[in-house]
Amino acid sequence: MAGTFELKTAKSGQFHFNLKAGNGQVIATSEMYESKASALNGIESVKANAAGAAIDDQT
């Protein structure tokens, strides 16, 4: 099963999202955004950039 972006509203009224794996585990959490549109743009940015992201193994 594919991952899911879960868009949420904080008590402060700001927006953020979690990226959940297919098993429901949260694997990434965004920063807080002032507007829903900005949070949706953040989701689109992750979709566009994460697929080709390099691995920086600092072990």
C-alpha atoms as a PDB file:
ATOM      1  CA  MET A   1       0.000   0.000   0.000  1.00  0.00           C
ATOM      2  CA  ALA A   2       1.246   3.491  -0.846  1.00  0.00           C
ATOM      3  CA  GLY A   3       1.961   6.198   1.693  1.00  0.00           C
ATOM      4  CA  THR A   4      -0.569   8.851   2.635  1.00  0.00           C
ATOM      5  CA  PHE A   5      -0.261  12.563   3.354  1.00  0.00           C
ATOM      6  CA  GLU A   6      -2.443  13.499   6.327  1.00  0.00           C
ATOM      7  CA  LEU A   7      -3.233  17.235   6.459  1.00  0.00           C
ATOM      8  CA  LYS A   8      -4.021  18.521   9.948  1.00  0.00           C
ATOM      9  CA  THR A   9      -4.965  21.743  11.720  1.00  0.00           C
ATOM     10  CA  ALA A  10      -3.149  22.517  14.965  1.00  0.00           C
ATOM     11  CA  LYS A  11      -4.839  24.107  17.986  1.00  0.00           C
ATOM     12  CA  SER A  12      -3.131  27.362  16.977  1.00  0.00           C
ATOM     13  CA  GLY A  13      -5.013  27.333  13.654  1.00  0.00           C
ATOM     14  CA  GLN A  14      -1.861  26.608  11.666  1.00  0.00           C
ATOM     15  CA  PHE A  15      -1.616  23.682   9.267  1.00  0.00           C
ATOM     16  CA  HIS A  16       0.862  20.808   9.031  1.00  0.00           C
ATOM     17  CA  PHE A  17       1.029  17.376   7.500  1.00  0.00           C
ATOM     18  CA  ASN A  18       2.294  13.923   8.317  1.00  0.00           C
ATOM     19  CA  LEU A  19       3.487  11.434   5.753  1.00  0.00           C
ATOM     20  CA  LYS A  20       2.343   7.962   6.762  1.00  0.00           C
ATOM     21  CA  ALA A  21       3.722   4.688   5.451  1.00  0.00           C
ATOM     22  CA  GLY A  22       1.411   2.008   4.128  1.00  0.00           C
ATOM     23  CA  ASN A  23       1.262   0.451   7.596  1.00  0.00           C
ATOM     24  CA  GLY A  24       0.022   3.739   9.119  1.00  0.00           C
ATOM     25  CA  GLN A  25       3.305   4.691  10.811  1.00  0.00           C
ATOM     26  CA  VAL A  26       4.250   8.394  10.644  1.00  0.00           C
ATOM     27  CA  ILE A  27       7.540   8.643   8.768  1.00  0.00           C
ATOM     28  CA  ALA A  28       7.741  12.432   8.289  1.00  0.00           C
ATOM     29  CA  THR A  29       6.183  15.518   9.846  1.00  0.00           C
ATOM     30  CA  SER A  30       6.173  18.966   8.256  1.00  0.00           C
ATOM     31  CA  GLU A  31       6.782  22.381   9.672  1.00  0.00           C
ATOM     32  CA  MET A  32       3.768  24.552  10.603  1.00  0.00           C
ATOM     33  CA  TYR A  33       2.195  26.635   7.831  1.00  0.00           C
ATOM     34  CA  GLU A  34       0.063  29.755   8.200  1.00  0.00           C
ATOM     35  CA  SER A  35      -2.330  28.740   5.430  1.00  0.00           C
ATOM     36  CA  LYS A  36      -3.810  25.529   4.094  1.00  0.00           C
ATOM     37  CA  ALA A  37      -2.595  26.450   0.612  1.00  0.00           C
ATOM     38  CA  SER A  38       0.984  26.667   1.885  1.00  0.00           C
ATOM     39  CA  ALA A  39       0.701  23.251   3.528  1.00  0.00           C
ATOM     40  CA  LEU A  40      -0.650  21.780   0.289  1.00  0.00           C
ATOM     41  CA  ASN A  41       2.304  23.360  -1.564  1.00  0.00           C
ATOM     42  CA  GLY A  42       4.601  21.685   0.977  1.00  0.00           C
ATOM     43  CA  ILE A  43       3.024  18.325   0.202  1.00  0.00           C
ATOM     44  CA  GLU A  44       3.509  18.888  -3.521  1.00  0.00           C
ATOM     45  CA  SER A  45       7.150  19.821  -2.891  1.00  0.00           C
ATOM     46  CA  VAL A  46       7.788  16.579  -1.016  1.00  0.00           C
ATOM     47  CA  LYS A  47       6.107  14.601  -3.785  1.00  0.00           C
ATOM     48  CA  ALA A  48       8.241  16.283  -6.442  1.00  0.00           C
ATOM     49  CA  ASN A  49      11.583  16.249  -4.636  1.00  0.00           C
ATOM     50  CA  ALA A  50      11.674  13.146  -2.442  1.00  0.00           C
ATOM     51  CA  ALA A  51      11.630  10.603  -5.258  1.00  0.00           C
ATOM     52  CA  GLY A  52      15.040  11.706  -6.520  1.00  0.00           C
ATOM     53  CA  ALA A  53      16.597  12.620  -3.173  1.00  0.00           C
ATOM     54  CA  ALA A  54      20.105  11.365  -2.502  1.00  0.00           C
ATOM     55  CA  ILE A  55      21.033   9.437   0.636  1.00  0.00           C
ATOM     56  CA  ASP A  56      23.582  11.158   2.899  1.00  0.00           C
ATOM     57  CA  ASP A  57      24.813   8.266   5.080  1.00  0.00           C
ATOM     58  CA  GLN A  58      26.652   9.866   8.013  1.00  0.00           C
ATOM     59  CA  THR A  59      27.127   6.688  10.037  1.00  0.00           C
END
